[in-house]
Amino acid sequence: MSEFTQRELADKLYQCAGESEGVDLMAEDALDAPFIDLGYDSLALLQVTGVIKREYGVELSDDAVVEAETPRLLLKMINASLPEAA
């Protein structure tokens, strides 16, 4: 995998924590909105990053996840941590 996308992050959030009413995670402005404003707390993010770790081998510390306050920041961290393609 060369890049973890906004669509994949949205799918994992929906899968792990459900959809927040009235929130479109695929909207361009959602990338820079705080997760809490999108309806996702730190527990939801930890669940999502646990699934991403199992499925993609991406290891992020709990502190890093909490520091990633927006989808754009989390995507940046995930993509920086993706294992090199074999």
PDB file of N, CA and C in Angstrom:
ATOM      1  N   MET A   1       0.848  -1.172   0.000  1.00  0.00           N
ATOM      2  CA  MET A   1       0.000   0.000   0.000  1.00  0.00           C
ATOM      3  C   MET A   1       0.891   1.232   0.000  1.00  0.00           C
ATOM      4  N   SER A   2       0.631   2.142  -0.904  1.00  0.00           N
ATOM      5  CA  SER A   2       1.478   3.318  -1.000  1.00  0.00           C
ATOM      6  C   SER A   2       0.929   4.505  -0.215  1.00  0.00           C
ATOM      7  N   GLU A   3      -0.387   4.561  -0.043  1.00  0.00           N
ATOM      8  CA  GLU A   3      -0.981   5.684   0.680  1.00  0.00           C
ATOM      9  C   GLU A   3      -2.311   5.277   1.290  1.00  0.00           C
ATOM     10  N   PHE A   4      -2.527   5.686   2.536  1.00  0.00           N
ATOM     11  CA  PHE A   4      -3.804   5.490   3.206  1.00  0.00           C
ATOM     12  C   PHE A   4      -4.618   6.743   2.914  1.00  0.00           C
ATOM     13  N   THR A   5      -5.813   6.584   2.359  1.00  0.00           N
ATOM     14  CA  THR A   5      -6.580   7.716   1.839  1.00  0.00           C
ATOM     15  C   THR A   5      -7.652   8.210   2.806  1.00  0.00           C
ATOM     16  N   GLN A   6      -8.184   9.360   2.466  1.00  0.00           N
ATOM     17  CA  GLN A   6      -9.290   9.935   3.227  1.00  0.00           C
ATOM     18  C   GLN A   6     -10.481   8.970   3.225  1.00  0.00           C
ATOM     19  N   ARG A   7     -10.755   8.340   2.101  1.00  0.00           N
ATOM     20  CA  ARG A   7     -11.864   7.382   1.996  1.00  0.00           C
ATOM     21  C   ARG A   7     -11.640   6.202   2.943  1.00  0.00           C
ATOM     22  N   GLU A   8     -10.419   5.684   2.981  1.00  0.00           N
ATOM     23  CA  GLU A   8     -10.127   4.553   3.862  1.00  0.00           C
ATOM     24  C   GLU A   8     -10.259   4.939   5.332  1.00  0.00           C
ATOM     25  N   LEU A   9      -9.810   6.142   5.683  1.00  0.00           N
ATOM     26  CA  LEU A   9      -9.955   6.604   7.062  1.00  0.00           C
ATOM     27  C   LEU A   9     -11.428   6.769   7.407  1.00  0.00           C
ATOM     28  N   ALA A  10     -12.201   7.363   6.509  1.00  0.00           N
ATOM     29  CA  ALA A  10     -13.640   7.526   6.747  1.00  0.00           C
ATOM     30  C   ALA A  10     -14.307   6.171   6.931  1.00  0.00           C
ATOM     31  N   ASP A  11     -13.976   5.208   6.083  1.00  0.00           N
ATOM     32  CA  ASP A  11     -14.551   3.865   6.194  1.00  0.00           C
ATOM     33  C   ASP A  11     -14.215   3.228   7.538  1.00  0.00           C
ATOM     34  N   LYS A  12     -12.966   3.369   7.992  1.00  0.00           N
ATOM     35  CA  LYS A  12     -12.565   2.790   9.280  1.00  0.00           C
ATOM     36  C   LYS A  12     -13.276   3.487  10.440  1.00  0.00           C
ATOM     37  N   LEU A  13     -13.437   4.799  10.358  1.00  0.00           N
ATOM     38  CA  LEU A  13     -14.160   5.520  11.408  1.00  0.00           C
ATOM     39  C   LEU A  13     -15.609   5.060  11.470  1.00  0.00           C
ATOM     40  N   TYR A  14     -16.244   4.946  10.311  1.00  0.00           N
ATOM     41  CA  TYR A  14     -17.632   4.483  10.274  1.00  0.00           C
ATOM     42  C   TYR A  14     -17.740   3.059  10.818  1.00  0.00           C
ATOM     43  N   GLN A  15     -16.807   2.200  10.421  1.00  0.00           N
ATOM     44  CA  GLN A  15     -16.811   0.803  10.835  1.00  0.00           C
ATOM     45  C   GLN A  15     -16.610   0.670  12.345  1.00  0.00           C
ATOM     46  N   CYS A  16     -15.682   1.416  12.913  1.00  0.00           N
ATOM     47  CA  CYS A  16     -15.319   1.259  14.322  1.00  0.00           C
ATOM     48  C   CYS A  16     -16.172   2.090  15.275  1.00  0.00           C
ATOM     49  N   ALA A  17     -16.575   3.264  14.845  1.00  0.00           N
ATOM     50  CA  ALA A  17     -17.238   4.181  15.764  1.00  0.00           C
ATOM     51  C   ALA A  17     -18.600   4.665  15.280  1.00  0.00           C
ATOM     52  N   GLY A  18     -19.011   4.236  14.099  1.00  0.00           N
ATOM     53  CA  GLY A  18     -20.302   4.656  13.576  1.00  0.00           C
ATOM     54  C   GLY A  18     -20.216   5.997  12.875  1.00  0.00           C
ATOM     55  N   GLU A  19     -21.312   6.335  12.226  1.00  0.00           N
ATOM     56  CA  GLU A  19     -21.387   7.606  11.515  1.00  0.00           C
ATOM     57  C   GLU A  19     -21.923   8.674  12.440  1.00  0.00           C
ATOM     58  N   SER A  20     -21.305   9.842  12.397  1.00  0.00           N
ATOM     59  CA  SER A  20     -21.820  10.984  13.132  1.00  0.00           C
ATOM     60  C   SER A  20     -22.881  11.643  12.266  1.00  0.00           C
ATOM     61  N   GLU A  21     -23.993  11.929  12.876  1.00  0.00           N
ATOM     62  CA  GLU A  21     -25.113  12.512  12.137  1.00  0.00           C
ATOM     63  C   GLU A  21     -24.740  13.873  11.553  1.00  0.00           C
ATOM     64  N   GLY A  22     -24.997  14.032  10.276  1.00  0.00           N
ATOM     65  CA  GLY A  22     -24.771  15.306   9.609  1.00  0.00           C
ATOM     66  C   GLY A  22     -23.313  15.608   9.290  1.00  0.00           C
ATOM     67  N   VAL A  23     -22.441  14.618   9.419  1.00  0.00           N
ATOM     68  CA  VAL A  23     -21.018  14.826   9.148  1.00  0.00           C
ATOM     69  C   VAL A  23     -20.618  14.019   7.921  1.00  0.00           C
ATOM     70  N   ASP A  24     -20.006  14.700   6.953  1.00  0.00           N
ATOM     71  CA  ASP A  24     -19.498  14.040   5.755  1.00  0.00           C
ATOM     72  C   ASP A  24     -17.973  14.020   5.843  1.00  0.00           C
ATOM     73  N   LEU A  25     -17.424  12.878   6.212  1.00  0.00           N
ATOM     74  CA  LEU A  25     -15.971  12.773   6.363  1.00  0.00           C
ATOM     75  C   LEU A  25     -15.222  12.881   5.041  1.00  0.00           C
ATOM     76  N   MET A  26     -15.951  12.818   3.937  1.00  0.00           N
ATOM     77  CA  MET A  26     -15.312  12.944   2.637  1.00  0.00           C
ATOM     78  C   MET A  26     -15.284  14.391   2.138  1.00  0.00           C
ATOM     79  N   ALA A  27     -15.916  15.291   2.854  1.00  0.00           N
ATOM     80  CA  ALA A  27     -15.888  16.701   2.479  1.00  0.00           C
ATOM     81  C   ALA A  27     -14.475  17.248   2.687  1.00  0.00           C
ATOM     82  N   GLU A  28     -14.049  18.131   1.807  1.00  0.00           N
ATOM     83  CA  GLU A  28     -12.695  18.698   1.902  1.00  0.00           C
ATOM     84  C   GLU A  28     -12.479  19.402   3.244  1.00  0.00           C
ATOM     85  N   ASP A  29     -13.492  20.116   3.739  1.00  0.00           N
ATOM     86  CA  ASP A  29     -13.323  20.841   5.009  1.00  0.00           C
ATOM     87  C   ASP A  29     -13.272  19.912   6.217  1.00  0.00           C
ATOM     88  N   ALA A  30     -13.694  18.670   6.055  1.00  0.00           N
ATOM     89  CA  ALA A  30     -13.623  17.707   7.159  1.00  0.00           C
ATOM     90  C   ALA A  30     -12.178  17.352   7.490  1.00  0.00           C
ATOM     91  N   LEU A  31     -11.289  17.464   6.527  1.00  0.00           N
ATOM     92  CA  LEU A  31      -9.886  17.118   6.757  1.00  0.00           C
ATOM     93  C   LEU A  31      -9.243  17.968   7.851  1.00  0.00           C
ATOM     94  N   ASP A  32      -9.692  19.201   7.982  1.00  0.00           N
ATOM     95  CA  ASP A  32      -9.081  20.107   8.953  1.00  0.00           C
ATOM     96  C   ASP A  32      -9.968  20.399  10.157  1.00  0.00           C
ATOM     97  N   ALA A  33     -11.092  19.709  10.248  1.00  0.00           N
ATOM     98  CA  ALA A  33     -11.983  19.880  11.401  1.00  0.00           C
ATOM     99  C   ALA A  33     -11.499  18.989  12.547  1.00  0.00           C
ATOM    100  N   PRO A  34     -11.530  19.494  13.769  1.00  0.00           N
ATOM    101  CA  PRO A  34     -11.155  18.650  14.908  1.00  0.00           C
ATOM    102  C   PRO A  34     -12.060  17.422  14.990  1.00  0.00           C
ATOM    103  N   PHE A  35     -11.470  16.277  15.320  1.00  0.00           N
ATOM    104  CA  PHE A  35     -12.251  15.050  15.431  1.00  0.00           C
ATOM    105  C   PHE A  35     -13.436  15.226  16.376  1.00  0.00           C
ATOM    106  N   ILE A  36     -13.236  15.947  17.459  1.00  0.00           N
ATOM    107  CA  ILE A  36     -14.313  16.120  18.435  1.00  0.00           C
ATOM    108  C   ILE A  36     -15.503  16.846  17.793  1.00  0.00           C
ATOM    109  N   ASP A  37     -15.224  17.792  16.885  1.00  0.00           N
ATOM    110  CA  ASP A  37     -16.301  18.496  16.176  1.00  0.00           C
ATOM    111  C   ASP A  37     -16.983  17.583  15.161  1.00  0.00           C
ATOM    112  N   LEU A  38     -16.261  16.548  14.721  1.00  0.00           N
ATOM    113  CA  LEU A  38     -16.830  15.588  13.779  1.00  0.00           C
ATOM    114  C   LEU A  38     -17.589  14.473  14.500  1.00  0.00           C
ATOM    115  N   GLY A  39     -17.534  14.483  15.833  1.00  0.00           N
ATOM    116  CA  GLY A  39     -18.272  13.499  16.615  1.00  0.00           C
ATOM    117  C   GLY A  39     -17.464  12.286  17.029  1.00  0.00           C
ATOM    118  N   TYR A  40     -16.125  12.375  16.944  1.00  0.00           N
ATOM    119  CA  TYR A  40     -15.267  11.251  17.302  1.00  0.00           C
ATOM    120  C   TYR A  40     -14.335  11.648  18.439  1.00  0.00           C
ATOM    121  N   ASP A  41     -14.363  10.870  19.526  1.00  0.00           N
ATOM    122  CA  ASP A  41     -13.501  11.148  20.662  1.00  0.00           C
ATOM    123  C   ASP A  41     -12.218  10.321  20.583  1.00  0.00           C
ATOM    124  N   SER A  42     -11.361  10.474  21.582  1.00  0.00           N
ATOM    125  CA  SER A  42     -10.072   9.785  21.551  1.00  0.00           C
ATOM    126  C   SER A  42     -10.233   8.266  21.601  1.00  0.00           C
ATOM    127  N   LEU A  43     -11.255   7.775  22.277  1.00  0.00           N
ATOM    128  CA  LEU A  43     -11.489   6.336  22.320  1.00  0.00           C
ATOM    129  C   LEU A  43     -11.797   5.801  20.917  1.00  0.00           C
ATOM    130  N   ALA A  44     -12.608   6.514  20.169  1.00  0.00           N
ATOM    131  CA  ALA A  44     -12.924   6.112  18.793  1.00  0.00           C
ATOM    132  C   ALA A  44     -11.655   6.081  17.941  1.00  0.00           C
ATOM    133  N   LEU A  45     -10.795   7.076  18.117  1.00  0.00           N
ATOM    134  CA  LEU A  45      -9.558   7.125  17.337  1.00  0.00           C
ATOM    135  C   LEU A  45      -8.624   5.979  17.710  1.00  0.00           C
ATOM    136  N   LEU A  46      -8.575   5.639  18.991  1.00  0.00           N
ATOM    137  CA  LEU A  46      -7.732   4.518  19.411  1.00  0.00           C
ATOM    138  C   LEU A  46      -8.256   3.207  18.837  1.00  0.00           C
ATOM    139  N   GLN A  47      -9.568   3.062  18.761  1.00  0.00           N
ATOM    140  CA  GLN A  47     -10.145   1.863  18.142  1.00  0.00           C
ATOM    141  C   GLN A  47      -9.761   1.796  16.657  1.00  0.00           C
ATOM    142  N   VAL A  48      -9.890   2.900  15.984  1.00  0.00           N
ATOM    143  CA  VAL A  48      -9.570   2.955  14.556  1.00  0.00           C
ATOM    144  C   VAL A  48      -8.097   2.649  14.320  1.00  0.00           C
ATOM    145  N   THR A  49      -7.221   3.260  15.106  1.00  0.00           N
ATOM    146  CA  THR A  49      -5.796   3.026  14.888  1.00  0.00           C
ATOM    147  C   THR A  49      -5.407   1.597  15.267  1.00  0.00           C
ATOM    148  N   GLY A  50      -6.137   0.976  16.191  1.00  0.00           N
ATOM    149  CA  GLY A  50      -5.895  -0.436  16.494  1.00  0.00           C
ATOM    150  C   GLY A  50      -6.211  -1.318  15.296  1.00  0.00           C
ATOM    151  N   VAL A  51      -7.315  -1.025  14.619  1.00  0.00           N
ATOM    152  CA  VAL A  51      -7.690  -1.781  13.415  1.00  0.00           C
ATOM    153  C   VAL A  51      -6.664  -1.537  12.306  1.00  0.00           C
ATOM    154  N   ILE A  52      -6.243  -0.302  12.133  1.00  0.00           N
ATOM    155  CA  ILE A  52      -5.261   0.033  11.104  1.00  0.00           C
ATOM    156  C   ILE A  52      -3.935  -0.682  11.396  1.00  0.00           C
ATOM    157  N   LYS A  53      -3.583  -0.772  12.664  1.00  0.00           N
ATOM    158  CA  LYS A  53      -2.358  -1.489  13.032  1.00  0.00           C
ATOM    159  C   LYS A  53      -2.454  -2.960  12.633  1.00  0.00           C
ATOM    160  N   ARG A  54      -3.579  -3.594  12.957  1.00  0.00           N
ATOM    161  CA  ARG A  54      -3.761  -5.008  12.628  1.00  0.00           C
ATOM    162  C   ARG A  54      -3.797  -5.251  11.120  1.00  0.00           C
ATOM    163  N   GLU A  55      -4.478  -4.378  10.398  1.00  0.00           N
ATOM    164  CA  GLU A  55      -4.681  -4.606   8.968  1.00  0.00           C
ATOM    165  C   GLU A  55      -3.525  -4.131   8.088  1.00  0.00           C
ATOM    166  N   TYR A  56      -2.826  -3.084   8.523  1.00  0.00           N
ATOM    167  CA  TYR A  56      -1.801  -2.486   7.659  1.00  0.00           C
ATOM    168  C   TYR A  56      -0.402  -2.452   8.273  1.00  0.00           C
ATOM    169  N   GLY A  57      -0.278  -2.853   9.533  1.00  0.00           N
ATOM    170  CA  GLY A  57       1.031  -2.848  10.173  1.00  0.00           C
ATOM    171  C   GLY A  57       1.523  -1.478  10.580  1.00  0.00           C
ATOM    172  N   VAL A  58       0.607  -0.516  10.691  1.00  0.00           N
ATOM    173  CA  VAL A  58       0.970   0.849  11.068  1.00  0.00           C
ATOM    174  C   VAL A  58       0.915   0.973  12.587  1.00  0.00           C
ATOM    175  N   GLU A  59       2.042   1.312  13.187  1.00  0.00           N
ATOM    176  CA  GLU A  59       2.105   1.460  14.639  1.00  0.00           C
ATOM    177  C   GLU A  59       2.188   2.934  14.997  1.00  0.00           C
ATOM    178  N   LEU A  60       1.188   3.401  15.729  1.00  0.00           N
ATOM    179  CA  LEU A  60       1.174   4.774  16.233  1.00  0.00           C
ATOM    180  C   LEU A  60       1.020   4.713  17.745  1.00  0.00           C
ATOM    181  N   SER A  61       1.768   5.541  18.445  1.00  0.00           N
ATOM    182  CA  SER A  61       1.629   5.573  19.900  1.00  0.00           C
ATOM    183  C   SER A  61       0.298   6.224  20.270  1.00  0.00           C
ATOM    184  N   ASP A  62      -0.190   5.883  21.451  1.00  0.00           N
ATOM    185  CA  ASP A  62      -1.438   6.487  21.924  1.00  0.00           C
ATOM    186  C   ASP A  62      -1.299   8.010  21.997  1.00  0.00           C
ATOM    187  N   ASP A  63      -0.124   8.485  22.410  1.00  0.00           N
ATOM    188  CA  ASP A  63       0.101   9.931  22.494  1.00  0.00           C
ATOM    189  C   ASP A  63       0.018  10.583  21.113  1.00  0.00           C
ATOM    190  N   ALA A  64       0.568   9.925  20.116  1.00  0.00           N
ATOM    191  CA  ALA A  64       0.526  10.467  18.756  1.00  0.00           C
ATOM    192  C   ALA A  64      -0.909  10.551  18.261  1.00  0.00           C
ATOM    193  N   VAL A  65      -1.702   9.536  18.574  1.00  0.00           N
ATOM    194  CA  VAL A  65      -3.104   9.526  18.142  1.00  0.00           C
ATOM    195  C   VAL A  65      -3.859  10.688  18.771  1.00  0.00           C
ATOM    196  N   VAL A  66      -3.617  10.929  20.044  1.00  0.00           N
ATOM    197  CA  VAL A  66      -4.292  12.035  20.741  1.00  0.00           C
ATOM    198  C   VAL A  66      -3.840  13.377  20.167  1.00  0.00           C
ATOM    199  N   GLU A  67      -2.574  13.469  19.769  1.00  0.00           N
ATOM    200  CA  GLU A  67      -2.051  14.715  19.194  1.00  0.00           C
ATOM    201  C   GLU A  67      -2.611  14.985  17.799  1.00  0.00           C
ATOM    202  N   ALA A  68      -3.027  13.961  17.088  1.00  0.00           N
ATOM    203  CA  ALA A  68      -3.591  14.129  15.746  1.00  0.00           C
ATOM    204  C   ALA A  68      -5.038  14.576  15.897  1.00  0.00           C
ATOM    205  N   GLU A  69      -5.235  15.863  15.982  1.00  0.00           N
ATOM    206  CA  GLU A  69      -6.557  16.405  16.284  1.00  0.00           C
ATOM    207  C   GLU A  69      -7.500  16.460  15.089  1.00  0.00           C
ATOM    208  N   THR A  70      -6.948  16.295  13.874  1.00  0.00           N
ATOM    209  CA  THR A  70      -7.778  16.375  12.671  1.00  0.00           C
ATOM    210  C   THR A  70      -7.509  15.167  11.769  1.00  0.00           C
ATOM    211  N   PRO A  71      -8.439  14.853  10.885  1.00  0.00           N
ATOM    212  CA  PRO A  71      -8.187  13.764   9.935  1.00  0.00           C
ATOM    213  C   PRO A  71      -6.924  13.970   9.107  1.00  0.00           C
ATOM    214  N   ARG A  72      -6.646  15.212   8.707  1.00  0.00           N
ATOM    215  CA  ARG A  72      -5.452  15.468   7.899  1.00  0.00           C
ATOM    216  C   ARG A  72      -4.178  15.090   8.678  1.00  0.00           C
ATOM    217  N   LEU A  73      -4.114  15.464   9.950  1.00  0.00           N
ATOM    218  CA  LEU A  73      -2.945  15.131  10.765  1.00  0.00           C
ATOM    219  C   LEU A  73      -2.825  13.627  10.978  1.00  0.00           C
ATOM    220  N   LEU A  74      -3.949  12.957  11.211  1.00  0.00           N
ATOM    221  CA  LEU A  74      -3.912  11.509  11.407  1.00  0.00           C
ATOM    222  C   LEU A  74      -3.479  10.804  10.126  1.00  0.00           C
ATOM    223  N   LEU A  75      -4.006  11.233   8.993  1.00  0.00           N
ATOM    224  CA  LEU A  75      -3.594  10.644   7.713  1.00  0.00           C
ATOM    225  C   LEU A  75      -2.093  10.833   7.478  1.00  0.00           C
ATOM    226  N   LYS A  76      -1.590  12.000   7.823  1.00  0.00           N
ATOM    227  CA  LYS A  76      -0.162  12.272   7.660  1.00  0.00           C
ATOM    228  C   LYS A  76       0.655  11.297   8.511  1.00  0.00           C
ATOM    229  N   MET A  77       0.238  11.073   9.764  1.00  0.00           N
ATOM    230  CA  MET A  77       0.942  10.149  10.652  1.00  0.00           C
ATOM    231  C   MET A  77       0.860   8.709  10.139  1.00  0.00           C
ATOM    232  N   ILE A  78      -0.314   8.320   9.695  1.00  0.00           N
ATOM    233  CA  ILE A  78      -0.501   6.947   9.179  1.00  0.00           C
ATOM    234  C   ILE A  78       0.389   6.746   7.959  1.00  0.00           C
ATOM    235  N   ASN A  79       0.335   7.667   7.023  1.00  0.00           N
ATOM    236  CA  ASN A  79       1.113   7.517   5.792  1.00  0.00           C
ATOM    237  C   ASN A  79       2.623   7.553   6.040  1.00  0.00           C
ATOM    238  N   ALA A  80       3.057   8.324   7.032  1.00  0.00           N
ATOM    239  CA  ALA A  80       4.477   8.343   7.373  1.00  0.00           C
ATOM    240  C   ALA A  80       4.924   7.035   8.008  1.00  0.00           C
ATOM    241  N   SER A  81       3.972   6.287   8.567  1.00  0.00           N
ATOM    242  CA  SER A  81       4.295   5.048   9.275  1.00  0.00           C
ATOM    243  C   SER A  81       3.982   3.780   8.476  1.00  0.00           C
ATOM    244  N   LEU A  82       3.465   3.927   7.273  1.00  0.00           N
ATOM    245  CA  LEU A  82       3.152   2.737   6.466  1.00  0.00           C
ATOM    246  C   LEU A  82       4.423   1.942   6.193  1.00  0.00           C
ATOM    247  N   PRO A  83       4.348   0.627   6.354  1.00  0.00           N
ATOM    248  CA  PRO A  83       5.514  -0.197   6.011  1.00  0.00           C
ATOM    249  C   PRO A  83       5.813  -0.054   4.525  1.00  0.00           C
ATOM    250  N   GLU A  84       7.071  -0.135   4.186  1.00  0.00           N
ATOM    251  CA  GLU A  84       7.477  -0.074   2.784  1.00  0.00           C
ATOM    252  C   GLU A  84       6.857  -1.225   2.013  1.00  0.00           C
ATOM    253  N   ALA A  85       6.430  -0.952   0.809  1.00  0.00           N
ATOM    254  CA  ALA A  85       5.859  -2.014  -0.036  1.00  0.00           C
ATOM    255  C   ALA A  85       6.935  -3.060  -0.332  1.00  0.00           C
ATOM    256  N   ALA A  86       6.505  -4.297  -0.268  1.00  0.00           N
ATOM    257  CA  ALA A  86       7.475  -5.381  -0.499  1.00  0.00           C
ATOM    258  C   ALA A  86       7.759  -5.528  -1.981  1.00  0.00           C
TER     259      ALA A  86
END
